[in-house]
N, C-alpha and C. Protein backbone atom coordinates (compact mmCIF):
# COMPACT_ATOMS: atom_id res chain seq x y z
N MET A 1 -66.90 -24.06 68.19
CA MET A 1 -65.89 -23.44 68.18
C MET A 1 -66.19 -22.08 68.68
N GLU A 2 -65.07 -21.38 69.81
CA GLU A 2 -64.71 -20.45 70.79
C GLU A 2 -64.14 -19.63 70.00
N TRP A 3 -64.59 -17.94 70.22
CA TRP A 3 -63.90 -17.28 69.91
C TRP A 3 -62.50 -17.53 69.70
N PRO A 4 -61.69 -17.71 70.69
CA PRO A 4 -60.03 -17.78 70.88
C PRO A 4 -59.91 -18.35 70.32
N GLU A 5 -60.39 -20.04 69.84
CA GLU A 5 -59.82 -20.66 68.68
C GLU A 5 -60.10 -20.44 67.54
N LEU A 6 -61.20 -19.39 66.84
CA LEU A 6 -61.26 -19.29 65.79
C LEU A 6 -60.13 -17.93 65.95
N ILE A 7 -59.69 -17.22 66.54
CA ILE A 7 -58.71 -16.01 66.71
C ILE A 7 -57.55 -16.49 65.98
N ARG A 8 -57.03 -17.92 67.12
CA ARG A 8 -55.85 -18.71 66.68
C ARG A 8 -55.64 -18.99 65.16
N ILE A 9 -56.45 -19.78 64.55
CA ILE A 9 -56.20 -19.82 63.66
C ILE A 9 -56.39 -19.25 62.73
N VAL A 10 -57.06 -17.78 62.57
CA VAL A 10 -57.25 -16.93 61.70
C VAL A 10 -55.24 -16.24 62.19
N LEU A 11 -54.85 -15.96 63.11
CA LEU A 11 -53.55 -15.59 63.29
C LEU A 11 -52.88 -16.86 63.00
N GLU A 12 -52.82 -17.67 62.85
CA GLU A 12 -52.14 -18.79 62.09
C GLU A 12 -52.15 -19.00 60.57
N ALA A 13 -53.45 -18.52 59.82
CA ALA A 13 -53.63 -18.55 58.44
C ALA A 13 -52.79 -17.65 57.96
N LEU A 14 -52.72 -16.14 58.68
CA LEU A 14 -51.87 -15.05 58.56
C LEU A 14 -51.10 -15.13 58.76
N THR A 15 -50.15 -15.59 59.77
CA THR A 15 -48.64 -15.74 59.94
C THR A 15 -48.32 -16.91 58.63
N GLY A 16 -48.89 -17.79 59.16
CA GLY A 16 -48.26 -18.68 57.68
C GLY A 16 -48.30 -18.41 56.44
N GLY A 17 -48.85 -17.73 55.91
CA GLY A 17 -49.08 -17.15 54.60
C GLY A 17 -48.17 -15.69 54.41
N GLY A 18 -47.92 -15.08 55.71
CA GLY A 18 -46.70 -13.76 55.51
C GLY A 18 -45.40 -14.78 55.30
N LEU A 19 -44.99 -16.16 55.59
CA LEU A 19 -44.02 -16.67 55.60
C LEU A 19 -44.05 -17.27 53.94
N ILE A 20 -45.20 -17.50 53.67
CA ILE A 20 -44.58 -18.21 52.32
C ILE A 20 -44.66 -17.29 51.39
N VAL A 21 -45.63 -16.10 51.33
CA VAL A 21 -44.90 -14.96 50.82
C VAL A 21 -43.47 -14.02 51.35
N THR A 22 -42.82 -14.37 52.28
CA THR A 22 -41.49 -13.80 52.43
C THR A 22 -40.56 -14.60 51.56
N LEU A 23 -41.25 -16.14 51.73
CA LEU A 23 -40.37 -17.06 50.90
C LEU A 23 -39.91 -17.32 49.18
N TYR A 24 -40.89 -16.85 48.84
CA TYR A 24 -41.16 -16.39 47.14
C TYR A 24 -40.42 -15.17 47.15
N THR A 25 -40.37 -14.26 48.28
CA THR A 25 -40.13 -13.15 47.82
C THR A 25 -38.61 -12.90 47.76
N LEU A 26 -38.14 -13.80 48.99
CA LEU A 26 -36.26 -14.05 48.86
C LEU A 26 -36.14 -15.23 47.60
N ARG A 27 -37.02 -15.68 47.23
CA ARG A 27 -36.34 -16.35 45.91
C ARG A 27 -36.29 -15.62 45.02
N GLU A 28 -36.93 -14.50 44.33
CA GLU A 28 -37.49 -13.74 43.09
C GLU A 28 -36.18 -13.27 43.45
N THR A 29 -35.54 -11.69 44.96
CA THR A 29 -34.45 -11.60 45.06
C THR A 29 -33.48 -12.04 44.65
N LYS A 30 -33.22 -13.65 44.91
CA LYS A 30 -32.12 -14.07 45.01
C LYS A 30 -31.78 -14.41 43.19
N ARG A 31 -33.30 -14.64 42.31
CA ARG A 31 -33.18 -14.65 40.83
C ARG A 31 -33.03 -13.69 40.73
N LYS A 32 -33.38 -12.60 40.92
CA LYS A 32 -32.66 -11.13 40.33
C LYS A 32 -31.35 -10.73 40.21
N ALA A 33 -31.26 -11.22 41.60
CA ALA A 33 -29.41 -11.25 42.04
C ALA A 33 -28.17 -11.84 41.24
N VAL A 34 -29.21 -13.21 41.08
CA VAL A 34 -28.13 -14.08 40.08
C VAL A 34 -27.85 -13.73 38.68
N GLU A 35 -29.24 -13.04 38.00
CA GLU A 35 -29.75 -12.67 36.90
C GLU A 35 -28.52 -11.05 36.66
N GLU A 36 -28.73 -10.24 37.61
CA GLU A 36 -27.73 -9.26 37.28
C GLU A 36 -26.22 -9.50 37.43
N VAL A 37 -25.90 -10.65 38.71
CA VAL A 37 -24.56 -10.64 38.26
C VAL A 37 -24.24 -11.45 36.83
N HIS A 38 -24.85 -12.34 36.62
CA HIS A 38 -24.49 -13.18 35.16
C HIS A 38 -24.25 -11.70 34.21
N SER A 39 -25.15 -10.83 34.30
CA SER A 39 -25.31 -9.86 33.38
C SER A 39 -24.16 -9.16 33.16
N MET A 40 -23.33 -8.75 34.34
CA MET A 40 -21.99 -8.69 34.97
C MET A 40 -20.78 -8.22 34.35
N GLN A 41 -21.15 -9.88 34.61
CA GLN A 41 -20.15 -10.73 34.34
C GLN A 41 -19.69 -10.74 32.61
N THR A 42 -21.28 -10.97 32.14
CA THR A 42 -20.95 -10.88 30.47
C THR A 42 -20.46 -9.48 29.68
N THR A 43 -20.74 -8.41 30.72
CA THR A 43 -20.35 -7.73 30.41
C THR A 43 -18.88 -6.56 30.64
N ASN A 44 -18.67 -7.47 31.64
CA ASN A 44 -17.13 -7.53 31.96
C ASN A 44 -16.47 -8.36 30.70
N ALA A 45 -16.60 -9.44 30.73
CA ALA A 45 -16.11 -10.67 29.80
C ALA A 45 -15.90 -9.27 28.48
N ASP A 46 -17.30 -9.06 28.10
CA ASP A 46 -16.82 -8.00 26.59
C ASP A 46 -16.56 -7.14 26.90
N SER A 47 -16.14 -6.45 27.92
CA SER A 47 -15.08 -5.22 27.92
C SER A 47 -13.69 -5.87 27.73
N ILE A 48 -13.73 -6.51 28.57
CA ILE A 48 -11.70 -7.61 28.70
C ILE A 48 -11.56 -7.26 27.19
N LEU A 49 -12.28 -7.86 26.35
CA LEU A 49 -12.15 -8.43 24.79
C LEU A 49 -12.00 -7.25 23.99
N ARG A 50 -12.88 -6.43 24.74
CA ARG A 50 -12.42 -5.20 23.64
C ARG A 50 -11.36 -4.73 23.95
N THR A 51 -11.46 -4.25 24.98
CA THR A 51 -9.75 -3.94 25.56
C THR A 51 -8.68 -4.50 25.38
N ASN A 52 -8.71 -5.88 25.42
CA ASN A 52 -7.57 -6.40 24.75
C ASN A 52 -7.32 -6.22 23.29
N GLU A 53 -8.43 -6.11 22.42
CA GLU A 53 -8.30 -6.05 21.26
C GLU A 53 -7.83 -4.55 20.77
N GLU A 54 -7.75 -3.64 21.31
CA GLU A 54 -7.60 -2.53 20.77
C GLU A 54 -6.29 -2.50 21.82
N TYR A 55 -6.29 -2.25 22.74
CA TYR A 55 -4.80 -2.18 23.04
C TYR A 55 -3.60 -3.25 22.98
N ILE A 56 -3.90 -4.30 22.92
CA ILE A 56 -2.96 -5.48 22.58
C ILE A 56 -2.62 -6.32 20.68
N VAL A 57 -4.26 -6.87 20.75
CA VAL A 57 -3.81 -7.49 19.06
C VAL A 57 -3.73 -6.29 18.51
N LYS A 58 -4.33 -5.06 17.80
CA LYS A 58 -4.45 -4.12 16.96
C LYS A 58 -3.32 -3.74 17.04
N PRO A 59 -2.30 -3.43 17.73
CA PRO A 59 -0.94 -2.60 18.27
C PRO A 59 0.00 -4.01 17.65
N LEU A 60 -0.13 -5.11 17.96
CA LEU A 60 0.63 -6.19 17.10
C LEU A 60 0.86 -6.73 15.79
N LYS A 61 -0.52 -6.57 16.00
CA LYS A 61 -1.09 -7.08 14.42
C LYS A 61 0.10 -5.50 13.32
N ARG A 62 -0.02 -3.84 13.78
CA ARG A 62 0.87 -3.59 12.89
C ARG A 62 1.82 -3.45 12.83
N GLU A 63 2.65 -3.83 13.96
CA GLU A 63 4.28 -4.08 14.28
C GLU A 63 4.04 -5.54 13.87
N ILE A 64 3.47 -6.31 13.29
CA ILE A 64 3.95 -7.53 12.53
C ILE A 64 4.22 -7.34 11.22
N ASN A 65 3.07 -6.52 10.67
CA ASN A 65 2.71 -6.09 8.71
C ASN A 65 4.00 -5.52 9.28
N GLY A 66 4.48 -4.26 9.98
CA GLY A 66 5.80 -3.51 9.85
C GLY A 66 6.85 -4.24 9.86
N LEU A 67 7.07 -5.47 10.07
CA LEU A 67 8.22 -6.27 10.28
C LEU A 67 8.08 -6.45 9.19
N ARG A 68 6.91 -7.10 8.74
CA ARG A 68 6.90 -8.03 7.26
C ARG A 68 7.35 -7.62 6.16
N ALA A 69 7.02 -6.32 6.16
CA ALA A 69 7.76 -4.92 5.19
C ALA A 69 9.22 -4.92 5.31
N THR A 70 9.28 -4.80 6.72
CA THR A 70 10.68 -4.88 6.35
C THR A 70 11.76 -5.84 6.24
N VAL A 71 11.61 -7.19 6.59
CA VAL A 71 11.86 -7.99 5.94
C VAL A 71 11.84 -8.42 4.30
N ARG A 72 10.94 -8.05 4.13
CA ARG A 72 10.91 -8.16 2.28
C ARG A 72 11.37 -7.22 1.47
N ASN A 73 11.52 -5.47 2.68
CA ASN A 73 12.27 -5.38 1.79
C ASN A 73 13.66 -5.30 1.81
N LEU A 74 14.48 -5.92 2.74
CA LEU A 74 15.70 -6.33 2.84
C LEU A 74 15.98 -7.67 1.98
N THR A 75 15.41 -8.71 2.72
CA THR A 75 14.85 -9.40 1.47
C THR A 75 15.60 -8.60 0.06
N LYS A 76 15.36 -7.84 -0.97
CA LYS A 76 15.10 -7.86 -2.39
C LYS A 76 16.76 -7.09 -2.35
N VAL A 77 17.08 -6.09 -1.13
CA VAL A 77 18.27 -5.56 -1.07
C VAL A 77 19.25 -6.51 -1.57
N LEU A 78 19.45 -7.07 -0.51
CA LEU A 78 20.29 -8.70 -0.05
C LEU A 78 20.13 -9.67 -1.45
N GLN A 79 19.13 -9.61 -2.34
CA GLN A 79 19.76 -10.12 -3.79
C GLN A 79 19.57 -9.76 -4.31
N LYS A 80 19.69 -8.37 -4.22
CA LYS A 80 20.45 -6.98 -5.31
C LYS A 80 22.14 -7.55 -5.21
N VAL A 81 22.38 -6.94 -3.94
CA VAL A 81 23.82 -6.83 -3.29
C VAL A 81 24.07 -8.01 -3.44
N LEU A 82 23.61 -9.17 -3.45
CA LEU A 82 24.56 -10.69 -3.73
C LEU A 82 24.50 -11.07 -5.21
N ALA A 83 23.45 -10.68 -6.11
CA ALA A 83 23.66 -10.69 -7.56
C ALA A 83 25.00 -9.31 -8.40
N CYS A 84 24.90 -8.55 -7.63
CA CYS A 84 25.91 -7.19 -8.45
C CYS A 84 26.85 -7.88 -8.80
N PRO A 85 27.61 -7.44 -10.39
CA PRO A 85 28.32 -7.85 -11.10
C PRO A 85 30.16 -7.60 -10.82
N HIS A 86 29.60 -6.54 -9.69
CA HIS A 86 31.37 -6.14 -8.79
C HIS A 86 31.66 -7.10 -7.65
N ALA A 87 30.42 -7.33 -7.20
CA ALA A 87 30.38 -8.35 -5.69
C ALA A 87 31.57 -9.16 -5.56
N ASP A 88 33.03 -9.81 -6.22
CA ASP A 88 33.68 -10.35 -6.22
C ASP A 88 34.69 -9.36 -5.07
N VAL A 89 34.93 -7.81 -5.50
CA VAL A 89 36.12 -7.25 -4.45
C VAL A 89 34.87 -7.25 -3.63
N CYS A 90 33.85 -6.58 -3.58
CA CYS A 90 32.87 -5.95 -2.41
C CYS A 90 33.26 -6.48 -0.97
N PRO A 91 33.86 -5.69 -0.24
CA PRO A 91 33.50 -5.87 1.35
C PRO A 91 32.28 -6.24 1.85
N VAL A 92 31.41 -5.19 1.83
CA VAL A 92 29.62 -5.26 1.56
C VAL A 92 29.32 -6.73 1.83
N ARG A 93 29.62 -7.36 0.57
CA ARG A 93 29.01 -7.97 0.08
C ARG A 93 29.83 -9.62 0.88
N GLY A 94 31.21 -9.66 0.93
CA GLY A 94 31.01 -10.38 1.77
C GLY A 94 31.05 -10.57 3.18
N GLU A 95 30.90 -9.76 3.87
CA GLU A 95 29.65 -9.55 5.50
C GLU A 95 28.62 -9.67 5.41
N LEU A 96 27.79 -9.34 4.14
CA LEU A 96 26.64 -10.46 4.28
C LEU A 96 26.34 -11.82 3.35
N GLN A 97 27.09 -11.81 3.05
CA GLN A 97 27.51 -13.04 2.42
C GLN A 97 27.51 -14.45 3.60
N GLN A 98 28.66 -13.78 4.58
CA GLN A 98 28.53 -14.40 5.62
C GLN A 98 27.50 -14.32 6.79
N LEU A 99 27.21 -13.63 6.95
CA LEU A 99 25.39 -13.36 7.77
C LEU A 99 24.54 -14.13 7.15
N TYR A 100 24.16 -14.53 5.95
CA TYR A 100 23.18 -14.96 5.17
C TYR A 100 23.56 -16.55 5.15
N ASP A 101 25.48 -17.11 5.17
CA ASP A 101 25.52 -18.54 5.49
C ASP A 101 25.13 -19.02 6.79
N ILE A 102 25.29 -17.90 8.06
CA ILE A 102 25.22 -18.25 9.16
C ILE A 102 24.07 -18.55 9.68
N ASP A 103 22.81 -17.71 9.03
CA ASP A 103 21.67 -17.45 9.41
C ASP A 103 20.91 -18.49 8.59
N ALA A 104 21.23 -19.27 7.45
CA ALA A 104 20.71 -20.39 6.67
C ALA A 104 21.33 -21.35 7.85
N SER A 105 22.38 -21.45 8.11
CA SER A 105 22.89 -22.91 8.87
C SER A 105 22.64 -22.97 10.43
N LEU A 106 21.46 -21.43 10.69
CA LEU A 106 20.77 -21.74 12.47
C LEU A 106 19.45 -22.02 11.35
N THR A 107 18.56 -22.39 10.27
CA THR A 107 17.47 -22.25 10.33
C THR A 107 17.77 -23.86 9.14
N THR A 108 18.30 -24.64 9.43
CA THR A 108 17.83 -26.08 8.93
C THR A 108 17.65 -27.01 9.85
N ASP A 109 17.20 -27.82 9.64
CA ASP A 109 16.23 -28.87 10.75
C ASP A 109 15.04 -28.59 10.78
N ASN A 110 14.03 -28.09 10.13
CA ASN A 110 13.14 -27.35 9.97
C ASN A 110 13.05 -25.74 10.99
N GLY A 111 13.33 -25.58 10.60
CA GLY A 111 13.74 -24.06 11.31
C GLY A 111 14.34 -23.76 12.69
N HIS A 112 14.21 -24.76 13.39
CA HIS A 112 15.22 -25.34 14.57
C HIS A 112 16.20 -24.97 14.73
N GLY A 113 17.08 -25.71 14.05
CA GLY A 113 18.48 -25.69 13.46
C GLY A 113 19.26 -26.17 15.02
N ASP A 114 20.64 -26.02 15.30
CA ASP A 114 21.50 -26.37 16.46
C ASP A 114 21.70 -25.00 16.88
N ARG A 115 20.82 -24.75 17.42
CA ARG A 115 20.45 -23.75 18.04
C ARG A 115 20.25 -24.02 19.62
N VAL A 116 21.23 -23.32 20.89
CA VAL A 116 21.49 -23.82 22.22
C VAL A 116 20.39 -22.84 23.23
N ARG A 117 19.48 -23.88 23.29
CA ARG A 117 18.86 -22.90 24.55
C ARG A 117 19.62 -22.83 26.12
N ASP A 118 18.59 -21.60 26.23
CA ASP A 118 19.73 -20.81 27.67
C ASP A 118 18.84 -21.47 28.68
N GLY A 119 18.16 -22.35 29.04
CA GLY A 119 17.55 -22.71 29.46
C GLY A 119 16.54 -22.30 30.35
N THR A 120 15.78 -21.42 29.75
CA THR A 120 14.89 -20.83 30.46
C THR A 120 13.58 -20.75 29.58
């Protein structure tokens, strides 16, 4: 074996080894980038869920609870008005009874009634 051939073998080994190291480094870099993207996606999803909870779900729950309380109070008032001993001559009772009868007729048939859809 002569020197030029020996030098060529050494250079090929060094170049080939560098290629393997480069490929390994690229693979590790890609793996780390994928892990970072996954971590960012998880963080973003958690942030979106917290934001939705804070700005959408909680205010809607408060509004629904307030509406329930209002409906409960209104129902109590209506029951008292309808049971009033002076109800026969009370014009307010007549109006309320009319509204109550209309509402009751709309909520027959499992709550769907004979409501007309507007096509939207």
